[in-house]
Amino acid sequence: MSGSNQIDPVRHFEELQKNKNKMYLEIVTPEKKILQAEISAVQLPGTDGLFQLLKDHAPIVATLKKGVVKANLKDSTQTLDNLSGDIILDTSDDKTVKIEINGGVVEMMNNNVIVLAD
């Protein structure tokens, strides 16, 4: 077996330690990736009402209804690479962005939040 296919356990552990204090959000639709960013919190329009996810939240899968995903970015939106015209910048707070969705599903595990939006 080739050594290039093996994971170096020390390097893998170092990567995990480096990223363990970070939380990431990715929002994708069938057509495109809308947002990928490091965040501190995200508010989502759940089918039973709004809810918020913070770092170290327990793993969760939930359905979403039409509404706005509100993300608090770790850094100022000035460093945000606008991947889509669907991102609405909050003029009152340069670290907050809003994305309108028509529904979908969210999964959070290990501080990675993935929104599969309609």
Protein backbone atom coordinates (compact mmCIF):
# COMPACT_ATOMS: atom_id res chain seq x y z
CA MET A 1 0.00 0.00 0.00
CA SER A 2 1.34 3.40 -0.96
CA GLY A 3 2.29 5.81 1.83
CA SER A 4 0.56 8.67 -0.02
CA ASN A 5 -2.87 7.17 0.76
CA GLN A 6 -2.22 6.97 4.48
CA ILE A 7 -3.16 9.67 6.97
CA ASP A 8 -0.39 10.94 9.20
CA PRO A 9 -2.04 10.68 12.65
CA VAL A 10 0.10 13.45 14.18
CA ARG A 11 -0.69 15.89 11.37
CA HIS A 12 -4.38 14.92 11.45
CA PHE A 13 -4.53 15.54 15.23
CA GLU A 14 -2.80 18.93 14.80
CA GLU A 15 -5.37 19.94 12.15
CA LEU A 16 -8.23 18.91 14.43
CA GLN A 17 -6.78 20.91 17.31
CA LYS A 18 -6.27 23.97 15.11
CA ASN A 19 -9.89 23.94 13.91
CA LYS A 20 -11.63 22.79 17.10
CA ASN A 21 -12.39 26.34 18.23
CA LYS A 22 -13.91 27.31 14.89
CA MET A 23 -17.43 27.01 13.53
CA TYR A 24 -18.18 26.92 9.81
CA LEU A 25 -21.32 27.52 7.76
CA GLU A 26 -21.93 26.37 4.22
CA ILE A 27 -25.16 27.17 2.39
CA VAL A 28 -25.77 25.41 -0.92
CA THR A 29 -28.65 25.10 -3.35
CA PRO A 30 -28.99 22.63 -6.23
CA GLU A 31 -27.68 25.38 -8.52
CA LYS A 32 -24.80 26.95 -6.56
CA LYS A 33 -22.89 27.49 -3.35
CA ILE A 34 -24.25 30.64 -1.71
CA LEU A 35 -21.95 31.03 1.28
CA GLN A 36 -18.99 29.37 2.95
CA ALA A 37 -17.62 31.18 5.99
CA GLU A 38 -16.35 30.92 9.53
CA ILE A 39 -19.13 32.02 11.89
CA SER A 40 -19.82 32.51 15.59
CA ALA A 41 -23.58 31.78 15.40
CA VAL A 42 -26.39 31.14 12.94
CA GLN A 43 -30.15 31.67 13.26
CA LEU A 44 -32.37 29.46 11.11
CA PRO A 45 -36.08 29.37 10.18
CA GLY A 46 -37.06 25.92 11.45
CA THR A 47 -40.41 24.40 10.58
CA ASP A 48 -41.40 24.82 14.25
CA GLY A 49 -39.91 28.33 14.57
CA LEU A 50 -36.63 30.19 14.64
CA PHE A 51 -33.66 28.54 16.36
CA GLN A 52 -30.00 29.36 16.80
CA LEU A 53 -26.88 27.21 16.64
CA LEU A 54 -23.73 28.11 18.54
CA LYS A 55 -20.28 26.51 18.65
CA ASP A 56 -20.21 23.04 20.22
CA HIS A 57 -23.95 22.49 19.73
CA ALA A 58 -25.00 18.85 19.85
CA PRO A 59 -25.31 17.18 16.44
CA ILE A 60 -28.64 18.06 14.85
CA VAL A 61 -30.59 17.59 11.63
CA ALA A 62 -33.67 19.78 11.14
CA THR A 63 -36.03 20.85 8.38
CA LEU A 64 -36.29 24.50 7.42
CA LYS A 65 -39.16 26.58 6.10
CA LYS A 66 -39.12 29.66 3.92
CA GLY A 67 -37.36 32.48 5.74
CA VAL A 68 -34.02 34.13 6.43
CA VAL A 69 -30.81 32.49 7.59
CA LYS A 70 -28.93 35.03 9.70
CA ALA A 71 -25.22 34.34 10.23
CA ASN A 72 -22.83 36.14 12.54
CA LEU A 73 -19.49 36.02 10.78
CA LYS A 74 -16.30 35.58 12.75
CA ASP A 75 -14.66 38.37 10.74
CA SER A 76 -16.02 41.52 9.18
CA THR A 77 -18.03 41.08 5.98
CA GLN A 78 -15.36 43.18 4.30
CA THR A 79 -13.27 39.99 4.18
CA LEU A 80 -16.22 37.97 2.86
CA ASP A 81 -15.89 36.79 -0.70
CA ASN A 82 -19.43 37.27 -1.99
CA LEU A 83 -20.08 33.99 -3.71
CA SER A 84 -23.63 34.93 -4.58
CA GLY A 85 -25.92 37.91 -5.03
CA ASP A 86 -28.22 36.12 -2.57
CA ILE A 87 -26.26 37.44 0.41
CA ILE A 88 -27.79 40.49 2.12
CA LEU A 89 -25.34 42.54 4.16
CA ASP A 90 -26.68 43.90 7.44
CA THR A 91 -25.92 47.63 7.40
CA SER A 92 -26.23 47.88 11.19
CA ASP A 93 -23.57 45.21 11.86
CA ASP A 94 -20.69 44.50 9.50
CA LYS A 95 -20.36 40.94 10.83
CA THR A 96 -23.93 39.86 10.06
CA VAL A 97 -25.26 38.51 6.77
CA LYS A 98 -28.73 37.33 5.82
CA ILE A 99 -29.67 34.81 3.18
CA GLU A 100 -33.26 34.19 2.12
CA ILE A 101 -34.19 30.55 1.55
CA ASN A 102 -37.36 28.79 0.41
CA GLY A 103 -36.89 25.90 2.82
CA GLY A 104 -34.48 23.03 3.13
CA VAL A 105 -32.52 20.99 5.65
CA VAL A 106 -29.73 21.86 8.08
CA GLU A 107 -27.18 19.54 9.62
CA MET A 108 -24.68 20.47 12.32
CA MET A 109 -21.92 18.14 13.41
CA ASN A 110 -18.48 18.91 14.84
CA ASN A 111 -19.05 22.69 14.49
CA ASN A 112 -19.77 22.37 10.76
CA VAL A 113 -23.19 23.67 9.74
CA ILE A 114 -24.43 22.69 6.28
CA VAL A 115 -27.67 24.15 4.92
CA LEU A 116 -29.13 22.43 1.87
CA ALA A 117 -31.53 25.11 0.70
CA ASP A 118 -34.31 25.11 -1.88
